[in-house]
C-alpha cells in the first residue's frame, strides 16, 4: 500500500473523494482485522491507510469550507 499523493487527491471532485474515503476506511478495517487475527505481518499498511484517510478528510473539509 502506497501513500496517496496530495496532488492526485486535489484533482478529484468531492463525490470521488467521498467514495475513496469509504473504500479506504473499509480497507483499513480489513487490514486491522488481519493483524488482529495474525493473518498479516506488515503493520506499516495500517499506518499508511490511516494517513490516507486523514489526507482525504482534510481535503473534503477544505472543499466544503471553500464552497460556503
Protein backbone atom coordinates (compact mmCIF):
# COMPACT_ATOMS: atom_id res chain seq x y z
CA UNK A 1 0.00 0.00 0.00
CA UNK A 2 1.48 3.29 -1.03
CA UNK A 3 0.52 6.68 0.28
CA UNK A 4 -1.82 8.74 -1.86
CA UNK A 5 -0.32 11.97 -3.14
CA UNK A 6 -1.99 15.23 -2.25
CA UNK A 7 -1.70 16.50 -5.83
CA UNK A 8 -3.57 13.46 -7.09
CA UNK A 9 -6.30 13.90 -4.48
CA UNK A 10 -6.76 17.62 -5.14
CA UNK A 11 -7.63 16.90 -8.77
CA UNK A 12 -10.64 14.80 -7.73
CA UNK A 13 -14.18 16.04 -7.16
CA UNK A 14 -15.91 15.96 -3.80
CA UNK A 15 -18.03 12.91 -4.66
CA UNK A 16 -14.95 10.99 -5.81
CA UNK A 17 -13.17 11.84 -2.57
CA UNK A 18 -16.12 10.63 -0.51
CA UNK A 19 -16.18 7.34 -2.44
CA UNK A 20 -12.43 6.96 -1.98
CA UNK A 21 -12.81 7.69 1.74
CA UNK A 22 -15.34 4.91 2.20
CA UNK A 23 -13.09 2.46 0.31
CA UNK A 24 -10.04 3.44 2.37
CA UNK A 25 -11.96 3.08 5.63
CA UNK A 26 -13.15 -0.37 4.57
CA UNK A 27 -9.63 -1.41 3.63
CA UNK A 28 -8.33 -0.03 6.94
CA UNK A 29 -10.88 -2.15 8.80
CA UNK A 30 -9.82 -5.26 6.89
CA UNK A 31 -6.12 -4.59 7.48
CA UNK A 32 -6.72 -4.14 11.22
CA UNK A 33 -8.75 -7.35 11.30
CA UNK A 34 -5.97 -9.25 9.54
CA UNK A 35 -3.42 -8.01 12.06
CA UNK A 36 -5.68 -8.90 14.99
CA UNK A 37 -6.09 -12.46 13.74
CA UNK A 38 -2.41 -12.69 12.82
CA UNK A 39 -3.14 -13.12 9.11
CA UNK A 40 -1.00 -10.16 8.11
CA UNK A 41 2.51 -9.24 9.07
CA UNK A 42 3.03 -5.74 7.66
CA UNK A 43 1.97 -3.21 10.30
CA UNK A 44 3.04 -0.30 8.10
CA UNK A 45 -0.02 -0.81 5.90
CA UNK A 46 -2.33 0.30 8.71
CA UNK A 47 -0.26 3.44 9.26
CA UNK A 48 -0.38 4.35 5.57
CA UNK A 49 -4.13 3.79 5.38
CA UNK A 50 -4.72 5.98 8.45
CA UNK A 51 -2.68 8.75 6.89
CA UNK A 52 -4.58 8.41 3.61
CA UNK A 53 -7.89 8.71 5.46
CA UNK A 54 -6.62 11.84 7.21
CA UNK A 55 -5.50 13.38 3.91
CA UNK A 56 -8.85 12.71 2.29
CA UNK A 57 -10.79 14.10 5.26
CA UNK A 58 -8.66 17.24 5.24
CA UNK A 59 -9.32 17.84 1.56
CA UNK A 60 -13.05 17.20 1.95
CA UNK A 61 -13.18 19.75 4.77
CA UNK A 62 -11.24 22.29 2.68
CA UNK A 63 -13.59 21.83 -0.25
CA UNK A 64 -16.70 22.15 1.91
CA UNK A 65 -15.45 25.31 3.60
CA UNK A 66 -14.29 26.75 0.30
CA UNK A 67 -17.71 26.34 -1.26
CA UNK A 68 -19.50 28.23 1.53
